[in-house]
Structure formats: structure tokens, C-alpha cells
Amino acid sequence: MNTIVQASTVTDKSRQLVTAATPENAQYLTFLLGGEMFAVGILHVKEIIEFGNLTEIPMMPTFIRGVINLRGAVVPVIDLTARFAGQPSQPGKRTCIVIVEVQDGDLSHDVGIMVDAVSEVLEIPADEIEPPPSFGARIRADFIQGMGKVAGRFVILLNIDRVLSVDEIATLATVASTGDGLAHRPGS
């Protein structure tokens, strides 16, 4: 009887370890944008740096704030507030740039996202994540990976590969440089 109980205990511990290692218990970096809490998968995040030293590029959409020199590499910085709502955000004391890695086929690109403030890293179990709403969100539904339930409220989990789609941003930048005004539409 004792042997059976021990085997059961080992099996339960093994299940817990397997569960902890699965992507179902993913970690997310949470941050604030316009008073709302958003999150991106921690595996996309490379580093967080202080806001500043941006070089503006003329004739770019409003959501492309400029580029930074990150150890010799040119990294574009996207203003997520402008990307979602069309109006550029104003940098504050806690504004920072989160450097994320975005996949584009077999290639990966580093992109900086400008956020109002970084909060914390949270582990959100898969069973605490609801599907994205089909309507009622302030941002495009395809930008939302899910809605994480944390302490009785929702955190918007971003599909960062969609939000920072290299092809879409390149298209929008081309449109902005030709001057037809499409880049100034909200959500573009």
C-alpha cells in the first residue's frame, strides 16, 4: 500500500513538472498603454530600455516614432498607442521602449515598442485565457491573442507578430511616403 501511494505521489509531481514546462503556463510582460493593461509573451521580449535618443524619419506613419541605435543596430520604434488609436502618445517619466523579436518567415527582426510604463512579468495559465472578443475592443481583433484573467480583471494579450507585421508596416510606410494620407487613419 505504501509503495502505491509513493508511486502516485511521484506521478503527480511528474505531471506538475510537465505542466509547468508546457507553453500552457506562459509568462507575459505586462505594460500600460493609455491606462489599459496589455501583455506580450515574455519569449518575444529581448530587453527594456529607457525612452530617448530617437532619430525621427520623415514621411513615416505617425505610429513609427523613429529609430534607435541599439549597440550598432538600427531598430525601429513603434508607438503602440498611435498604432491602435491613431494619436501619438506623449512620453512621460515612466515611458520606455520594449525591444521585442518579431518573426517574418524564417527571419527575425528586433523592433522597439513605446509603452507608457512596464508593470511586471505574470504567469497566466491557459485556462485563465479567454478568446479575443469579436467586437467592442478598441484595437483590431486580429491584434489580440486572448484576454488573460488576472486578479479579477482582464489583461489584453497581444499577438505581437500581427501588431508588428513587417509586411504591413512596410506597406503603411510606403503609403505614408507617397502622401495619400492613409497612414493617418486610426488603427492603420
N, C-alpha and C. Protein backbone atom coordinates (compact mmCIF):
# COMPACT_ATOMS: atom_id res chain seq x y z
N MET A 1 0.82 -1.19 0.00
CA MET A 1 0.00 0.00 0.00
C MET A 1 0.86 1.25 0.00
N ASN A 2 1.90 1.20 0.83
CA ASN A 2 2.81 2.32 0.90
C ASN A 2 3.48 2.59 -0.45
N THR A 3 3.86 1.54 -1.14
CA THR A 3 4.53 1.67 -2.42
C THR A 3 3.61 2.32 -3.45
N ILE A 4 2.33 1.95 -3.42
CA ILE A 4 1.37 2.51 -4.37
C ILE A 4 1.21 4.02 -4.15
N VAL A 5 1.12 4.43 -2.88
CA VAL A 5 0.97 5.85 -2.57
C VAL A 5 2.18 6.64 -3.05
N GLN A 6 3.39 6.07 -2.81
CA GLN A 6 4.60 6.78 -3.26
C GLN A 6 4.64 6.90 -4.78
N ALA A 7 4.26 5.83 -5.47
CA ALA A 7 4.26 5.89 -6.93
C ALA A 7 3.27 6.94 -7.41
N SER A 8 2.12 7.01 -6.76
CA SER A 8 1.12 8.00 -7.13
C SER A 8 1.65 9.41 -6.90
N THR A 9 2.36 9.61 -5.77
CA THR A 9 2.93 10.92 -5.48
C THR A 9 3.96 11.32 -6.52
N VAL A 10 4.80 10.36 -6.90
CA VAL A 10 5.81 10.66 -7.92
C VAL A 10 5.12 11.02 -9.23
N THR A 11 4.08 10.28 -9.59
CA THR A 11 3.37 10.56 -10.82
C THR A 11 2.76 11.95 -10.78
N ASP A 12 2.16 12.33 -9.63
CA ASP A 12 1.57 13.67 -9.52
C ASP A 12 2.63 14.76 -9.67
N LYS A 13 3.80 14.54 -9.03
CA LYS A 13 4.88 15.53 -9.16
C LYS A 13 5.37 15.61 -10.60
N SER A 14 5.46 14.46 -11.27
CA SER A 14 5.89 14.47 -12.67
C SER A 14 4.91 15.25 -13.52
N ARG A 15 3.62 15.04 -13.26
CA ARG A 15 2.61 15.79 -14.03
C ARG A 15 2.76 17.29 -13.81
N GLN A 16 3.01 17.67 -12.53
CA GLN A 16 3.17 19.10 -12.25
C GLN A 16 4.37 19.68 -12.98
N LEU A 17 5.47 18.90 -13.01
CA LEU A 17 6.65 19.40 -13.70
C LEU A 17 6.39 19.51 -15.20
N VAL A 18 5.71 18.51 -15.78
CA VAL A 18 5.39 18.56 -17.20
C VAL A 18 4.48 19.74 -17.47
N THR A 19 3.48 19.93 -16.59
CA THR A 19 2.55 21.05 -16.77
C THR A 19 3.28 22.38 -16.70
N ALA A 20 4.22 22.51 -15.76
CA ALA A 20 4.94 23.77 -15.61
C ALA A 20 5.82 24.06 -16.82
N ALA A 21 6.26 23.02 -17.51
CA ALA A 21 7.16 23.23 -18.64
C ALA A 21 6.41 23.45 -19.95
N THR A 22 5.11 23.23 -19.97
CA THR A 22 4.38 23.39 -21.22
C THR A 22 4.09 24.86 -21.49
N PRO A 23 3.86 25.19 -22.77
CA PRO A 23 3.54 26.59 -23.08
C PRO A 23 2.18 27.02 -22.55
N GLU A 24 1.43 26.08 -21.97
CA GLU A 24 0.12 26.45 -21.42
C GLU A 24 0.24 27.36 -20.22
N ASN A 25 1.39 27.35 -19.56
CA ASN A 25 1.64 28.25 -18.44
C ASN A 25 2.63 29.32 -18.86
N ALA A 26 2.31 30.05 -19.88
CA ALA A 26 3.25 31.01 -20.43
C ALA A 26 3.36 32.25 -19.55
N GLN A 27 4.52 32.89 -19.65
CA GLN A 27 4.76 34.13 -18.92
C GLN A 27 4.60 35.31 -19.87
N TYR A 28 4.10 36.40 -19.33
CA TYR A 28 3.84 37.60 -20.13
C TYR A 28 4.40 38.82 -19.42
N LEU A 29 4.96 39.74 -20.22
CA LEU A 29 5.38 41.04 -19.71
C LEU A 29 4.18 41.97 -19.84
N THR A 30 3.76 42.55 -18.73
CA THR A 30 2.61 43.45 -18.77
C THR A 30 3.09 44.90 -18.78
N PHE A 31 2.30 45.74 -19.46
CA PHE A 31 2.64 47.16 -19.55
C PHE A 31 1.37 47.97 -19.75
N LEU A 32 1.48 49.26 -19.52
CA LEU A 32 0.34 50.17 -19.64
C LEU A 32 0.41 50.96 -20.93
N LEU A 33 -0.76 51.11 -21.54
CA LEU A 33 -0.94 51.98 -22.71
C LEU A 33 -2.25 52.71 -22.51
N GLY A 34 -2.21 54.00 -22.37
CA GLY A 34 -3.43 54.78 -22.21
C GLY A 34 -4.30 54.31 -21.04
N GLY A 35 -3.69 53.85 -19.98
CA GLY A 35 -4.42 53.42 -18.79
C GLY A 35 -4.90 51.98 -18.85
N GLU A 36 -4.72 51.29 -19.97
CA GLU A 36 -5.13 49.88 -20.08
C GLU A 36 -3.91 48.98 -19.97
N MET A 37 -4.14 47.79 -19.41
CA MET A 37 -3.07 46.83 -19.24
C MET A 37 -3.00 45.90 -20.44
N PHE A 38 -1.82 45.79 -21.04
CA PHE A 38 -1.57 44.89 -22.15
C PHE A 38 -0.43 43.96 -21.75
N ALA A 39 -0.25 42.91 -22.55
CA ALA A 39 0.85 41.99 -22.27
C ALA A 39 1.34 41.36 -23.57
N VAL A 40 2.63 41.03 -23.57
CA VAL A 40 3.20 40.26 -24.68
C VAL A 40 3.93 39.07 -24.07
N GLY A 41 4.00 37.99 -24.85
CA GLY A 41 4.70 36.80 -24.39
C GLY A 41 6.16 37.13 -24.08
N ILE A 42 6.62 36.65 -22.94
CA ILE A 42 7.98 37.00 -22.48
C ILE A 42 9.04 36.48 -23.44
N LEU A 43 8.72 35.44 -24.20
CA LEU A 43 9.71 34.90 -25.13
C LEU A 43 9.99 35.85 -26.30
N HIS A 44 9.11 36.81 -26.54
CA HIS A 44 9.34 37.81 -27.58
C HIS A 44 10.23 38.94 -27.08
N VAL A 45 10.30 39.14 -25.76
CA VAL A 45 10.98 40.31 -25.19
C VAL A 45 12.48 40.06 -25.08
N LYS A 46 13.26 41.00 -25.64
CA LYS A 46 14.72 40.89 -25.54
C LYS A 46 15.27 41.76 -24.44
N GLU A 47 14.74 42.98 -24.33
CA GLU A 47 15.21 43.88 -23.27
C GLU A 47 14.27 45.09 -23.17
N ILE A 48 14.44 45.83 -22.10
CA ILE A 48 13.66 47.04 -21.87
C ILE A 48 14.66 48.17 -21.66
N ILE A 49 14.47 49.27 -22.41
CA ILE A 49 15.40 50.38 -22.28
C ILE A 49 14.64 51.67 -22.01
N GLU A 50 15.36 52.64 -21.50
CA GLU A 50 14.78 53.96 -21.22
C GLU A 50 14.42 54.64 -22.53
N PHE A 51 13.30 55.39 -22.52
CA PHE A 51 12.88 56.11 -23.72
C PHE A 51 13.81 57.28 -23.98
N GLY A 52 14.19 57.44 -25.23
CA GLY A 52 15.01 58.58 -25.59
C GLY A 52 15.94 58.25 -26.74
N ASN A 53 16.65 59.29 -27.20
CA ASN A 53 17.63 59.16 -28.28
C ASN A 53 17.04 58.59 -29.56
N LEU A 54 15.81 59.02 -29.87
CA LEU A 54 15.17 58.60 -31.10
C LEU A 54 15.60 59.50 -32.25
N THR A 55 15.80 58.92 -33.39
CA THR A 55 16.04 59.68 -34.60
C THR A 55 14.77 59.58 -35.44
N GLU A 56 14.10 60.71 -35.64
CA GLU A 56 12.86 60.69 -36.43
C GLU A 56 13.18 60.51 -37.90
N ILE A 57 12.28 59.84 -38.59
CA ILE A 57 12.42 59.62 -40.03
C ILE A 57 11.25 60.33 -40.71
N PRO A 58 11.57 61.24 -41.63
CA PRO A 58 10.48 61.97 -42.29
C PRO A 58 9.59 61.06 -43.13
N MET A 59 8.33 61.48 -43.28
CA MET A 59 7.34 60.84 -44.14
C MET A 59 7.02 59.41 -43.73
N MET A 60 7.05 59.14 -42.44
CA MET A 60 6.65 57.84 -41.92
C MET A 60 5.27 57.96 -41.29
N PRO A 61 4.55 56.86 -41.18
CA PRO A 61 3.27 56.92 -40.46
C PRO A 61 3.49 57.41 -39.03
N THR A 62 2.44 57.98 -38.43
CA THR A 62 2.58 58.55 -37.09
C THR A 62 2.98 57.52 -36.05
N PHE A 63 2.65 56.26 -36.27
CA PHE A 63 2.98 55.25 -35.25
C PHE A 63 4.44 54.82 -35.29
N ILE A 64 5.19 55.19 -36.33
CA ILE A 64 6.62 54.92 -36.35
C ILE A 64 7.32 56.15 -35.80
N ARG A 65 7.75 56.06 -34.53
CA ARG A 65 8.33 57.22 -33.84
C ARG A 65 9.73 57.55 -34.32
N GLY A 66 10.42 56.57 -34.87
CA GLY A 66 11.78 56.79 -35.33
C GLY A 66 12.59 55.53 -35.18
N VAL A 67 13.91 55.72 -35.13
CA VAL A 67 14.80 54.57 -34.95
C VAL A 67 15.77 54.89 -33.81
N ILE A 68 16.29 53.83 -33.22
CA ILE A 68 17.32 53.98 -32.19
C ILE A 68 18.54 53.17 -32.61
N ASN A 69 19.66 53.55 -32.04
CA ASN A 69 20.90 52.80 -32.25
C ASN A 69 21.04 51.86 -31.07
N LEU A 70 20.83 50.58 -31.31
CA LEU A 70 20.93 49.59 -30.24
C LEU A 70 22.19 48.78 -30.47
N ARG A 71 23.25 49.21 -29.82
CA ARG A 71 24.57 48.56 -29.96
C ARG A 71 24.97 48.41 -31.43
N GLY A 72 24.77 49.47 -32.19
CA GLY A 72 25.19 49.49 -33.58
C GLY A 72 24.13 49.06 -34.57
N ALA A 73 23.02 48.52 -34.09
CA ALA A 73 21.94 48.08 -34.98
C ALA A 73 20.85 49.15 -35.01
N VAL A 74 20.28 49.36 -36.19
CA VAL A 74 19.16 50.30 -36.33
C VAL A 74 17.87 49.55 -36.02
N VAL A 75 17.17 50.04 -34.98
CA VAL A 75 15.94 49.39 -34.54
C VAL A 75 14.79 50.39 -34.62
N PRO A 76 13.75 50.07 -35.42
CA PRO A 76 12.60 50.97 -35.47
C PRO A 76 11.81 50.93 -34.17
N VAL A 77 11.22 52.07 -33.82
CA VAL A 77 10.42 52.16 -32.59
C VAL A 77 8.98 52.50 -32.99
N ILE A 78 8.06 51.64 -32.55
CA ILE A 78 6.65 51.78 -32.86
C ILE A 78 5.92 52.32 -31.64
N ASP A 79 5.13 53.36 -31.83
CA ASP A 79 4.27 53.91 -30.77
C ASP A 79 2.97 53.11 -30.80
N LEU A 80 2.80 52.18 -29.86
CA LEU A 80 1.62 51.31 -29.89
C LEU A 80 0.32 52.09 -29.71
N THR A 81 0.34 53.17 -28.94
CA THR A 81 -0.87 53.97 -28.78
C THR A 81 -1.29 54.54 -30.13
N ALA A 82 -0.35 55.04 -30.90
CA ALA A 82 -0.65 55.58 -32.22
C ALA A 82 -1.06 54.45 -33.17
N ARG A 83 -0.45 53.30 -33.03
CA ARG A 83 -0.79 52.15 -33.88
C ARG A 83 -2.24 51.72 -33.64
N PHE A 84 -2.67 51.77 -32.38
CA PHE A 84 -4.02 51.31 -32.06
C PHE A 84 -5.06 52.42 -32.23
N ALA A 85 -4.73 53.64 -31.79
CA ALA A 85 -5.74 54.70 -31.75
C ALA A 85 -5.51 55.83 -32.74
N GLY A 86 -4.37 55.86 -33.39
CA GLY A 86 -4.11 56.89 -34.38
C GLY A 86 -3.48 58.15 -33.83
N GLN A 87 -3.56 58.37 -32.52
CA GLN A 87 -2.98 59.57 -31.91
C GLN A 87 -1.68 59.21 -31.22
N PRO A 88 -0.61 59.96 -31.52
CA PRO A 88 0.67 59.64 -30.86
C PRO A 88 0.61 59.90 -29.36
N SER A 89 1.32 59.07 -28.61
CA SER A 89 1.35 59.25 -27.15
C SER A 89 2.42 60.27 -26.79
N GLN A 90 2.26 60.84 -25.61
CA GLN A 90 3.24 61.79 -25.08
C GLN A 90 4.14 61.07 -24.10
N PRO A 91 5.45 61.12 -24.29
CA PRO A 91 6.35 60.43 -23.37
C PRO A 91 6.26 61.02 -21.96
N GLY A 92 6.28 60.14 -20.97
CA GLY A 92 6.26 60.55 -19.57
C GLY A 92 7.50 60.04 -18.86
N LYS A 93 7.49 60.18 -17.53
CA LYS A 93 8.65 59.76 -16.74
C LYS A 93 8.88 58.26 -16.81
N ARG A 94 7.80 57.48 -16.94
CA ARG A 94 7.92 56.01 -16.93
C ARG A 94 7.88 55.40 -18.33
N THR A 95 7.83 56.26 -19.36
CA THR A 95 7.80 55.74 -20.73
C THR A 95 9.11 54.99 -21.02
N CYS A 96 8.98 53.85 -21.66
CA CYS A 96 10.17 53.09 -22.02
C CYS A 96 9.95 52.37 -23.34
N ILE A 97 11.00 51.78 -23.82
CA ILE A 97 10.97 51.05 -25.09
C ILE A 97 11.24 49.58 -24.77
N VAL A 98 10.32 48.73 -25.17
CA VAL A 98 10.50 47.29 -25.01
C VAL A 98 10.98 46.74 -26.36
N ILE A 99 12.15 46.15 -26.35
CA ILE A 99 12.70 45.56 -27.58
C ILE A 99 12.15 44.14 -27.70
N VAL A 100 11.42 43.90 -28.78
CA VAL A 100 10.83 42.58 -29.00
C VAL A 100 11.36 42.00 -30.30
N GLU A 101 11.32 40.68 -30.36
CA GLU A 101 11.74 39.98 -31.57
C GLU A 101 10.49 39.54 -32.31
N VAL A 102 10.41 39.92 -33.59
CA VAL A 102 9.25 39.61 -34.41
C VAL A 102 9.68 38.67 -35.53
N GLN A 103 8.89 37.63 -35.75
CA GLN A 103 9.19 36.67 -36.82
C GLN A 103 8.58 37.13 -38.13
N ASP A 104 9.35 37.01 -39.19
CA ASP A 104 8.88 37.29 -40.54
C ASP A 104 9.36 36.14 -41.41
N GLY A 105 8.56 35.08 -41.45
CA GLY A 105 9.00 33.88 -42.15
C GLY A 105 10.17 33.27 -41.39
N ASP A 106 11.27 33.05 -42.08
CA ASP A 106 12.46 32.49 -41.44
C ASP A 106 13.32 33.55 -40.77
N LEU A 107 13.01 34.80 -41.04
CA LEU A 107 13.81 35.90 -40.48
C LEU A 107 13.20 36.40 -39.19
N SER A 108 14.04 36.97 -38.35
CA SER A 108 13.52 37.64 -37.15
C SER A 108 14.08 39.07 -37.15
N HIS A 109 13.26 39.99 -36.65
CA HIS A 109 13.63 41.40 -36.60
C HIS A 109 13.45 41.90 -35.18
N ASP A 110 14.32 42.80 -34.77
CA ASP A 110 14.15 43.48 -33.50
C ASP A 110 13.38 44.76 -33.75
N VAL A 111 12.33 44.97 -32.95
CA VAL A 111 11.50 46.17 -33.06
C VAL A 111 11.29 46.70 -31.65
N GLY A 112 11.37 48.01 -31.50
CA GLY A 112 11.09 48.62 -30.20
C GLY A 112 9.64 49.06 -30.14
N ILE A 113 8.99 48.80 -29.02
CA ILE A 113 7.63 49.31 -28.84
C ILE A 113 7.64 50.29 -27.67
N MET A 114 7.05 51.43 -27.92
CA MET A 114 6.99 52.50 -26.92
C MET A 114 5.76 52.27 -26.06
N VAL A 115 5.96 52.14 -24.75
CA VAL A 115 4.85 51.90 -23.83
C VAL A 115 4.89 52.96 -22.72
N ASP A 116 3.72 53.20 -22.10
CA ASP A 116 3.64 54.22 -21.04
C ASP A 116 4.43 53.81 -19.80
N ALA A 117 4.36 52.52 -19.44
CA ALA A 117 5.09 52.02 -18.28
C ALA A 117 5.08 50.50 -18.32
N VAL A 118 6.17 49.89 -17.90
CA VAL A 118 6.24 48.44 -17.78
C VAL A 118 5.80 48.07 -16.37
N SER A 119 4.97 47.03 -16.24
CA SER A 119 4.46 46.65 -14.93
C SER A 119 5.23 45.48 -14.32
N GLU A 120 4.95 44.26 -14.80
CA GLU A 120 5.56 43.08 -14.20
C GLU A 120 5.47 41.91 -15.15
N VAL A 121 6.13 40.82 -14.79
CA VAL A 121 6.01 39.58 -15.55
C VAL A 121 5.02 38.69 -14.80
N LEU A 122 4.01 38.23 -15.52
CA LEU A 122 2.97 37.38 -14.93
C LEU A 122 2.95 36.03 -15.62
N GLU A 123 2.67 34.98 -14.84
CA GLU A 123 2.42 33.67 -15.42
C GLU A 123 0.91 33.49 -15.47
N ILE A 124 0.39 33.32 -16.66
CA ILE A 124 -1.06 33.17 -16.83
C ILE A 124 -1.34 31.78 -17.37
N PRO A 125 -2.02 30.94 -16.59
CA PRO A 125 -2.35 29.59 -17.08
C PRO A 125 -3.29 29.66 -18.28
N ALA A 126 -3.19 28.67 -19.15
CA ALA A 126 -4.00 28.64 -20.37
C ALA A 126 -5.49 28.67 -20.06
N ASP A 127 -5.89 28.03 -18.94
CA ASP A 127 -7.33 28.02 -18.63
C ASP A 127 -7.83 29.36 -18.09
N GLU A 128 -6.93 30.32 -17.89
CA GLU A 128 -7.31 31.68 -17.48
C GLU A 128 -7.28 32.66 -18.64
N ILE A 129 -7.16 32.13 -19.86
CA ILE A 129 -7.12 32.99 -21.04
C ILE A 129 -8.37 32.74 -21.88
N GLU A 130 -9.11 33.81 -22.10
CA GLU A 130 -10.33 33.74 -22.91
C GLU A 130 -10.00 34.15 -24.35
N PRO A 131 -10.80 33.68 -25.31
CA PRO A 131 -10.56 34.09 -26.70
C PRO A 131 -10.80 35.58 -26.87
N PRO A 132 -10.20 36.16 -27.91
CA PRO A 132 -10.40 37.60 -28.11
C PRO A 132 -11.85 37.92 -28.44
N PRO A 133 -12.32 39.09 -28.00
CA PRO A 133 -13.70 39.46 -28.31
C PRO A 133 -13.86 39.74 -29.81
N SER A 134 -15.02 39.41 -30.35
CA SER A 134 -15.24 39.64 -31.78
C SER A 134 -15.59 41.10 -32.05
N PHE A 135 -16.02 41.82 -31.02
CA PHE A 135 -16.30 43.24 -31.19
C PHE A 135 -16.15 43.93 -29.83
N GLY A 136 -16.14 45.24 -29.84
CA GLY A 136 -16.10 46.00 -28.60
C GLY A 136 -14.72 46.37 -28.11
N ALA A 137 -13.69 45.80 -28.73
CA ALA A 137 -12.34 46.17 -28.31
C ALA A 137 -11.93 47.44 -29.06
N ARG A 138 -11.02 48.18 -28.44
CA ARG A 138 -10.56 49.42 -29.07
C ARG A 138 -9.50 49.17 -30.13
N ILE A 139 -9.01 47.94 -30.19
CA ILE A 139 -7.99 47.62 -31.20
C ILE A 139 -8.50 46.50 -32.09
N ARG A 140 -7.86 46.32 -33.23
CA ARG A 140 -8.28 45.28 -34.17
C ARG A 140 -8.26 43.92 -33.50
N ALA A 141 -9.28 43.12 -33.81
CA ALA A 141 -9.41 41.80 -33.17
C ALA A 141 -8.22 40.91 -33.49
N ASP A 142 -7.65 41.03 -34.69
CA ASP A 142 -6.52 40.16 -35.02
C ASP A 142 -5.24 40.53 -34.29
N PHE A 143 -5.22 41.69 -33.62
CA PHE A 143 -4.07 42.06 -32.80
C PHE A 143 -4.11 41.39 -31.43
N ILE A 144 -5.27 40.83 -31.07
CA ILE A 144 -5.46 40.26 -29.73
C ILE A 144 -5.32 38.74 -29.79
N GLN A 145 -4.36 38.24 -28.99
CA GLN A 145 -4.17 36.79 -28.89
C GLN A 145 -5.20 36.18 -27.94
N GLY A 146 -5.55 36.93 -26.91
CA GLY A 146 -6.52 36.45 -25.92
C GLY A 146 -6.68 37.49 -24.83
N MET A 147 -7.59 37.16 -23.90
CA MET A 147 -7.84 38.04 -22.76
C MET A 147 -7.48 37.26 -21.49
N GLY A 148 -6.39 37.64 -20.85
CA GLY A 148 -5.95 36.94 -19.65
C GLY A 148 -6.66 37.47 -18.41
N LYS A 149 -7.13 36.55 -17.58
CA LYS A 149 -7.78 36.94 -16.33
C LYS A 149 -6.74 36.97 -15.22
N VAL A 150 -6.54 38.17 -14.68
CA VAL A 150 -5.55 38.36 -13.62
C VAL A 150 -6.20 39.18 -12.51
N ALA A 151 -6.28 38.59 -11.33
CA ALA A 151 -6.82 39.27 -10.14
C ALA A 151 -8.17 39.94 -10.42
N GLY A 152 -9.06 39.24 -11.10
CA GLY A 152 -10.41 39.72 -11.32
C GLY A 152 -10.57 40.74 -12.44
N ARG A 153 -9.54 40.98 -13.20
CA ARG A 153 -9.66 41.89 -14.34
C ARG A 153 -8.97 41.26 -15.55
N PHE A 154 -9.20 41.88 -16.72
CA PHE A 154 -8.64 41.33 -17.95
C PHE A 154 -7.38 42.08 -18.35
N VAL A 155 -6.44 41.32 -18.87
CA VAL A 155 -5.23 41.86 -19.48
C VAL A 155 -5.28 41.46 -20.95
N ILE A 156 -5.09 42.42 -21.85
CA ILE A 156 -5.14 42.14 -23.28
C ILE A 156 -3.80 41.55 -23.71
N LEU A 157 -3.83 40.30 -24.14
CA LEU A 157 -2.61 39.63 -24.60
C LEU A 157 -2.46 39.89 -26.09
N LEU A 158 -1.39 40.56 -26.46
CA LEU A 158 -1.20 40.97 -27.86
C LEU A 158 -0.56 39.86 -28.68
N ASN A 159 -1.03 39.74 -29.91
CA ASN A 159 -0.38 38.90 -30.90
C ASN A 159 0.67 39.78 -31.56
N ILE A 160 1.86 39.79 -30.99
CA ILE A 160 2.88 40.78 -31.38
C ILE A 160 3.33 40.60 -32.83
N ASP A 161 3.28 39.37 -33.35
CA ASP A 161 3.65 39.17 -34.75
C ASP A 161 2.64 39.84 -35.69
N ARG A 162 1.38 39.93 -35.27
CA ARG A 162 0.36 40.64 -36.07
C ARG A 162 0.48 42.15 -35.90
N VAL A 163 0.64 42.58 -34.64
CA VAL A 163 0.72 44.02 -34.36
C VAL A 163 1.91 44.65 -35.09
N LEU A 164 3.02 43.92 -35.11
CA LEU A 164 4.24 44.43 -35.71
C LEU A 164 4.57 43.69 -37.00
N SER A 165 3.57 43.31 -37.76
CA SER A 165 3.78 42.63 -39.03
C SER A 165 4.69 43.47 -39.92
N VAL A 166 5.84 42.93 -40.23
CA VAL A 166 6.83 43.68 -41.01
C VAL A 166 6.27 44.05 -42.38
N ASP A 167 5.55 43.14 -43.01
CA ASP A 167 4.96 43.43 -44.33
C ASP A 167 3.94 44.56 -44.24
N GLU A 168 3.07 44.52 -43.22
CA GLU A 168 2.04 45.55 -43.09
C GLU A 168 2.66 46.90 -42.78
N ILE A 169 3.64 46.93 -41.89
CA ILE A 169 4.29 48.19 -41.55
C ILE A 169 5.02 48.76 -42.77
N ALA A 170 5.68 47.90 -43.54
CA ALA A 170 6.36 48.37 -44.75
C ALA A 170 5.36 48.94 -45.74
N THR A 171 4.21 48.30 -45.88
CA THR A 171 3.17 48.81 -46.78
C THR A 171 2.67 50.16 -46.30
N LEU A 172 2.41 50.28 -45.01
CA LEU A 172 1.92 51.54 -44.46
C LEU A 172 2.96 52.65 -44.60
N ALA A 173 4.22 52.30 -44.42
CA ALA A 173 5.28 53.30 -44.58
C ALA A 173 5.36 53.77 -46.03
N THR A 174 5.17 52.85 -46.98
CA THR A 174 5.19 53.21 -48.39
C THR A 174 4.03 54.13 -48.71
N VAL A 175 2.86 53.80 -48.17
CA VAL A 175 1.67 54.62 -48.40
C VAL A 175 1.89 56.02 -47.82
N ALA A 176 2.47 56.08 -46.61
CA ALA A 176 2.71 57.38 -45.98
C ALA A 176 3.69 58.21 -46.79
N SER A 177 4.71 57.57 -47.34
CA SER A 177 5.72 58.33 -48.08
C SER A 177 5.19 58.83 -49.42
N THR A 178 4.15 58.15 -49.96
CA THR A 178 3.56 58.65 -51.20
C THR A 178 2.57 59.77 -50.92
N GLY A 179 2.20 59.92 -49.63
CA GLY A 179 1.39 61.06 -49.23
C GLY A 179 -0.09 60.97 -49.51
N ASP A 180 -0.64 59.76 -49.61
CA ASP A 180 -2.08 59.70 -49.86
C ASP A 180 -2.91 59.76 -48.58
N GLY A 181 -2.25 59.87 -47.41
CA GLY A 181 -2.97 60.12 -46.17
C GLY A 181 -3.56 58.91 -45.49
N LEU A 182 -3.41 57.72 -46.04
CA LEU A 182 -3.99 56.54 -45.40
C LEU A 182 -3.34 56.24 -44.06
N ALA A 183 -2.09 56.61 -43.90
CA ALA A 183 -1.39 56.29 -42.66
C ALA A 183 -1.93 57.05 -41.47
N HIS A 184 -2.74 58.06 -41.66
CA HIS A 184 -3.24 58.84 -40.54
C HIS A 184 -4.60 58.36 -40.07
N ARG A 185 -5.12 57.30 -40.67
CA ARG A 185 -6.39 56.75 -40.21
C ARG A 185 -6.17 56.00 -38.90
N PRO A 186 -7.13 56.09 -37.97
CA PRO A 186 -6.99 55.34 -36.74
C PRO A 186 -6.89 53.85 -37.03
N GLY A 187 -5.99 53.20 -36.30
CA GLY A 187 -5.81 51.77 -36.41
C GLY A 187 -4.97 51.37 -37.61
N SER A 188 -4.50 52.30 -38.40
CA SER A 188 -3.67 51.94 -39.55
C SER A 188 -2.22 51.88 -39.17
